[in-house]
Amino acid sequence: MEVLMKILYIFDSDETDRRDAGLVLTEWAKEHSHELVMRRAVELKPCLGCFGCWIRTPGTCVIPGDEGMAFVEAMYRADLVILAGETPYGSFSVPIKTILDRAIPLLLPFFRKFRGEMHHVPRYTRLPRMLSLSFDNANEREDATHLDVMRSFCDNISCVRQKRVYRYRENRSEMLTWLGEELEA
């Protein structure tokens, strides 16, 4: 059986709702001949901002002793990355944000104008589509902030922007409708 899409589901904690959403994705992926890899965002060392991944070891993080590069490599191999977690004050949870910060080896140290803003040039011609699956409660303002943050990240890696925030509420059909709408964009 040919795999149509490789999906990486990164979730920020072992809470039941994150696992439940992962099971919904597992069933959906199997039904559509997609390959799904589920990874819990483990505790990583924060990005040092040293630019070693750009200068000393291009494309490879210089921070030793954790799974940072394993996440970067998994993201590169994926067609779709779903970031699942809390979105406090419209941002990402600490484990998800740390992974995104450590993904800087996917970019080059050069800038270009993209969608009217300055963004890094992608290191590779093909980077994954990114979606954020939100959990817990938030108000409209926090959701609007999160959508802006997610769209900015999508712009940085030159992928299709997420259309709307979706908060998982243990409703399989609602989640799959959202996913379908996003993938049609």
Protein backbone atom coordinates (compact mmCIF):
# COMPACT_ATOMS: atom_id res chain seq x y z
CA MET A 1 0.00 0.00 0.00
CA GLU A 2 1.37 3.38 -1.03
CA VAL A 3 1.61 6.03 1.69
CA LEU A 4 -0.05 9.24 0.54
CA MET A 5 1.15 11.58 3.29
CA LYS A 6 3.61 11.36 6.18
CA ILE A 7 2.18 13.03 9.26
CA LEU A 8 4.05 13.93 12.44
CA TYR A 9 1.85 14.55 15.48
CA ILE A 10 3.80 16.28 18.26
CA PHE A 11 1.91 16.66 21.53
CA ASP A 12 3.02 18.57 24.62
CA SER A 13 1.87 16.30 27.45
CA ASP A 14 0.52 12.86 28.24
CA GLU A 15 -2.89 14.21 29.15
CA THR A 16 -5.78 12.07 27.98
CA ASP A 17 -7.15 14.61 25.50
CA ARG A 18 -3.82 14.74 23.62
CA ARG A 19 -3.77 10.94 23.41
CA ASP A 20 -7.45 10.84 22.35
CA ALA A 21 -6.80 13.32 19.54
CA GLY A 22 -3.83 11.16 18.52
CA LEU A 23 -6.09 8.11 18.32
CA VAL A 24 -8.55 10.02 16.12
CA LEU A 25 -5.65 10.96 13.83
CA THR A 26 -4.40 7.36 13.85
CA GLU A 27 -7.77 6.03 12.65
CA TRP A 28 -8.10 8.80 10.05
CA ALA A 29 -4.57 8.24 8.75
CA LYS A 30 -5.15 4.50 8.44
CA GLU A 31 -8.44 5.05 6.56
CA HIS A 32 -6.68 7.37 4.07
CA SER A 33 -3.40 5.44 3.63
CA HIS A 34 -1.36 8.07 5.47
CA GLU A 35 1.58 7.27 7.74
CA LEU A 36 1.29 8.81 11.21
CA VAL A 37 4.11 9.16 13.73
CA MET A 38 3.17 10.33 17.22
CA ARG A 39 5.88 11.95 19.36
CA ARG A 40 5.56 13.49 22.77
CA ALA A 41 7.49 16.73 23.05
CA VAL A 42 10.20 15.69 25.46
CA GLU A 43 12.14 18.18 27.52
CA LEU A 44 14.76 19.71 25.25
CA LYS A 45 17.50 22.17 25.99
CA PRO A 46 16.50 25.62 24.75
CA CYS A 47 18.00 27.10 21.59
CA LEU A 48 21.17 29.02 22.47
CA GLY A 49 20.73 31.53 19.66
CA CYS A 50 24.38 30.87 18.80
CA PHE A 51 23.69 30.40 15.06
CA GLY A 52 25.98 27.35 15.09
CA CYS A 53 23.38 25.51 13.01
CA TRP A 54 23.88 28.16 10.33
CA ILE A 55 27.63 28.79 10.54
CA ARG A 56 29.61 25.97 12.20
CA THR A 57 27.46 22.96 11.26
CA PRO A 58 24.98 24.13 8.59
CA GLY A 59 21.63 22.42 9.01
CA THR A 60 22.61 20.65 12.23
CA CYS A 61 22.02 21.93 15.75
CA VAL A 62 25.20 22.14 17.82
CA ILE A 63 23.47 21.39 21.14
CA PRO A 64 24.47 17.86 22.22
CA GLY A 65 22.73 15.39 24.47
CA ASP A 66 19.02 15.64 23.69
CA GLU A 67 16.52 14.76 20.96
CA GLY A 68 16.44 18.20 19.32
CA MET A 69 17.85 17.09 15.97
CA ALA A 70 15.61 13.99 15.97
CA PHE A 71 12.59 16.32 16.01
CA VAL A 72 14.08 18.51 13.27
CA GLU A 73 14.75 15.46 11.08
CA ALA A 74 11.26 14.09 11.72
CA MET A 75 9.75 17.46 10.78
CA TYR A 76 11.79 17.56 7.58
CA ARG A 77 10.63 14.06 6.55
CA ALA A 78 6.96 14.86 7.22
CA ASP A 79 4.44 16.26 4.77
CA LEU A 80 2.27 17.53 7.63
CA VAL A 81 3.24 18.41 11.21
CA ILE A 82 0.46 18.81 13.76
CA LEU A 83 1.52 20.64 16.91
CA ALA A 84 -0.86 19.70 19.72
CA GLY A 85 -0.90 21.49 23.02
CA GLU A 86 -1.95 24.34 25.21
CA THR A 87 -1.83 27.82 23.75
CA PRO A 88 -1.29 30.04 26.80
CA TYR A 89 -1.98 33.71 26.05
CA GLY A 90 -2.08 32.81 22.36
CA SER A 91 1.44 31.38 22.24
CA PHE A 92 2.64 27.77 22.27
CA SER A 93 3.24 25.64 25.34
CA VAL A 94 6.89 25.56 26.43
CA PRO A 95 7.63 22.07 25.00
CA ILE A 96 6.14 22.95 21.58
CA LYS A 97 7.82 26.38 21.46
CA THR A 98 11.17 24.82 22.32
CA ILE A 99 10.82 22.37 19.42
CA LEU A 100 9.96 25.22 17.05
CA ASP A 101 12.96 27.23 18.26
CA ARG A 102 15.22 24.22 17.77
CA ALA A 103 13.89 23.81 14.18
CA ILE A 104 15.94 26.80 13.02
CA PRO A 105 18.32 24.45 11.12
CA LEU A 106 15.46 24.12 8.58
CA LEU A 107 16.12 27.74 7.60
CA LEU A 108 19.04 29.66 6.14
CA PRO A 109 20.53 32.79 7.75
CA PHE A 110 19.41 34.88 4.77
CA PHE A 111 16.26 36.95 4.47
CA ARG A 112 13.74 37.60 1.75
CA LYS A 113 10.46 39.40 1.44
CA PHE A 114 7.57 36.94 1.66
CA ARG A 115 3.91 38.00 1.86
CA GLY A 116 5.07 41.57 2.39
CA GLU A 117 7.30 40.75 5.40
CA MET A 118 10.92 39.78 5.99
CA HIS A 119 11.39 36.04 6.57
CA HIS A 120 14.22 33.57 6.49
CA VAL A 121 14.93 31.62 3.33
CA PRO A 122 14.07 27.92 3.75
CA ARG A 123 17.11 25.59 3.64
CA TYR A 124 15.17 22.96 1.70
CA THR A 125 12.81 23.26 -1.25
CA ARG A 126 10.21 21.15 0.52
CA LEU A 127 9.21 21.73 4.12
CA PRO A 128 6.12 20.35 5.84
CA ARG A 129 2.70 21.89 6.16
CA MET A 130 2.15 22.95 9.78
CA LEU A 131 -1.06 22.96 11.81
CA SER A 132 -1.71 23.73 15.46
CA LEU A 133 -4.30 21.69 17.35
CA SER A 134 -5.17 23.63 20.50
CA PHE A 135 -6.27 22.30 23.87
CA ASP A 136 -7.73 23.83 27.02
CA ASN A 137 -9.71 27.04 27.19
CA ALA A 138 -8.93 30.41 25.67
CA ASN A 139 -10.83 33.54 24.82
CA GLU A 140 -11.31 35.00 21.32
CA ARG A 141 -8.38 37.37 21.72
CA GLU A 142 -6.01 34.56 22.70
CA ASP A 143 -7.21 32.47 19.76
CA ALA A 144 -6.67 35.41 17.38
CA THR A 145 -3.15 35.88 18.77
CA HIS A 146 -2.41 32.17 18.39
CA LEU A 147 -3.60 32.17 14.79
CA ASP A 148 -1.31 35.14 14.06
CA VAL A 149 1.64 33.37 15.75
CA MET A 150 0.96 30.17 13.81
CA ARG A 151 0.60 32.02 10.51
CA SER A 152 3.92 33.80 11.13
CA PHE A 153 5.60 30.46 11.70
CA CYS A 154 4.03 29.13 8.50
CA ASP A 155 5.36 32.18 6.66
CA ASN A 156 8.85 31.51 8.06
CA ILE A 157 8.92 28.04 6.54
CA SER A 158 6.95 29.06 3.43
CA CYS A 159 4.01 26.73 3.94
CA VAL A 160 0.29 27.26 3.56
CA ARG A 161 -1.12 29.30 6.45
CA GLN A 162 -3.50 27.74 8.94
CA LYS A 163 -7.01 29.06 8.27
CA ARG A 164 -8.53 28.94 11.74
CA VAL A 165 -7.87 27.90 15.32
CA TYR A 166 -9.36 24.60 16.36
CA ARG A 167 -9.74 23.62 20.01
CA TYR A 168 -10.11 19.91 20.59
CA ARG A 169 -13.32 19.11 22.43
CA GLU A 170 -13.37 15.31 22.17
CA ASN A 171 -15.55 15.50 19.08
CA ARG A 172 -14.10 13.24 16.38
CA SER A 173 -16.21 14.49 13.47
CA GLU A 174 -15.63 18.15 14.36
CA MET A 175 -11.86 17.60 14.50
CA LEU A 176 -11.79 15.73 11.19
CA THR A 177 -13.93 18.44 9.55
CA TRP A 178 -11.38 21.04 10.69
CA LEU A 179 -8.50 18.91 9.43
CA GLY A 180 -10.21 18.40 6.07
CA GLU A 181 -10.85 22.13 5.68
CA GLU A 182 -7.23 22.94 6.49
CA LEU A 183 -5.84 20.37 4.07
CA GLU A 184 -8.05 21.65 1.24
CA ALA A 185 -6.45 25.09 1.50
